[in-house]
Amino acid sequence: MGVPVVRITGPGTAPAPDALVDIDGSLMQWMRNKGATALALRPDKVIYAAAGADSPLPPPPAGMKTTAPTCSDDMETLV
């Protein structure tokens, strides 16, 4: 679909090109509370959708482009 896949790592872990560091653990806690194992982020870095292990993410809205930045394009500022 042309979107990056990145891992979310916990506080104190080293930054990596394919990972976001949740510096205070709040995103990981939110995901645990919601039962989410996958997120879709809008270009403005707002969570668009979340899904659990047994359910797929919903499709993007009609007319939305499916291209996205690469993992190295300022992804560390998401959290």
Protein backbone atom coordinates (compact mmCIF):
# COMPACT_ATOMS: atom_id res chain seq x y z
CA MET A 1 0.00 0.00 0.00
CA GLY A 2 3.03 2.27 0.13
CA VAL A 3 3.06 3.11 3.83
CA PRO A 4 5.96 2.67 6.23
CA VAL A 5 5.89 0.12 9.00
CA VAL A 6 7.69 1.11 12.17
CA ARG A 7 8.09 -0.50 15.56
CA ILE A 8 7.31 1.38 18.76
CA THR A 9 9.97 0.87 21.39
CA GLY A 10 9.91 1.82 25.04
CA PRO A 11 11.67 4.51 27.05
CA GLY A 12 15.43 4.25 27.14
CA THR A 13 15.79 2.32 23.90
CA ALA A 14 18.07 3.56 21.15
CA PRO A 15 16.54 5.29 18.13
CA ALA A 16 16.55 3.24 14.94
CA PRO A 17 15.52 3.95 11.34
CA ASP A 18 12.56 1.56 11.60
CA ALA A 19 11.47 2.42 15.16
CA LEU A 20 9.82 5.16 17.18
CA VAL A 21 10.91 5.62 20.78
CA ASP A 22 7.97 6.25 23.10
CA ILE A 23 10.03 8.41 25.45
CA ASP A 24 7.60 8.28 28.37
CA GLY A 25 5.69 5.08 27.62
CA SER A 26 2.36 6.89 27.22
CA LEU A 27 1.68 5.69 23.66
CA MET A 28 2.46 2.09 24.54
CA GLN A 29 0.21 2.35 27.62
CA TRP A 30 -2.61 3.84 25.51
CA MET A 31 -2.25 0.98 23.02
CA ARG A 32 -2.36 -1.61 25.83
CA ASN A 33 -5.47 0.02 27.32
CA LYS A 34 -7.21 -0.04 23.93
CA GLY A 35 -5.99 -3.51 22.96
CA ALA A 36 -4.30 -1.99 19.91
CA THR A 37 -1.40 -3.67 18.17
CA ALA A 38 -1.38 -1.48 15.05
CA LEU A 39 -1.96 2.22 14.42
CA ALA A 40 -2.55 4.33 11.34
CA LEU A 41 -1.21 7.87 11.66
CA ARG A 42 -2.41 10.77 9.60
CA PRO A 43 0.23 12.98 7.94
CA ASP A 44 -0.26 15.52 10.76
CA LYS A 45 0.73 12.74 13.21
CA VAL A 46 -2.73 12.25 14.71
CA ILE A 47 -3.89 8.66 15.21
CA TYR A 48 -6.44 7.93 12.48
CA ALA A 49 -7.24 4.34 13.43
CA ALA A 50 -6.17 1.55 15.74
CA ALA A 51 -6.71 -2.19 15.51
CA GLY A 52 -6.09 -5.24 17.64
CA ALA A 53 -4.25 -8.41 16.73
CA ASP A 54 -7.40 -10.07 15.36
CA SER A 55 -8.79 -7.15 13.36
CA PRO A 56 -7.45 -5.23 10.37
CA LEU A 57 -7.05 -1.49 10.23
CA PRO A 58 -9.90 0.19 8.35
CA PRO A 59 -9.19 1.36 4.81
CA PRO A 60 -8.22 5.01 4.30
CA PRO A 61 -10.99 7.49 3.50
CA ALA A 62 -12.07 7.74 -0.12
CA GLY A 63 -9.71 9.92 -2.11
CA MET A 64 -6.83 9.70 0.35
CA LYS A 65 -3.46 9.11 -1.25
CA THR A 66 -1.67 6.01 -0.04
CA THR A 67 1.84 7.37 -0.31
CA ALA A 68 3.65 8.22 2.89
CA PRO A 69 7.01 9.44 4.11
CA THR A 70 9.77 6.96 4.65
CA CYS A 71 10.73 5.99 8.18
CA SER A 72 13.64 8.40 8.14
CA ASP A 73 11.46 11.44 7.38
CA ASP A 74 11.12 13.02 10.83
CA MET A 75 9.44 9.96 12.34
CA GLU A 76 11.21 10.38 15.68
CA THR A 77 9.04 13.43 16.45
CA LEU A 78 5.80 11.42 16.50
CA VAL A 79 6.01 10.66 20.19
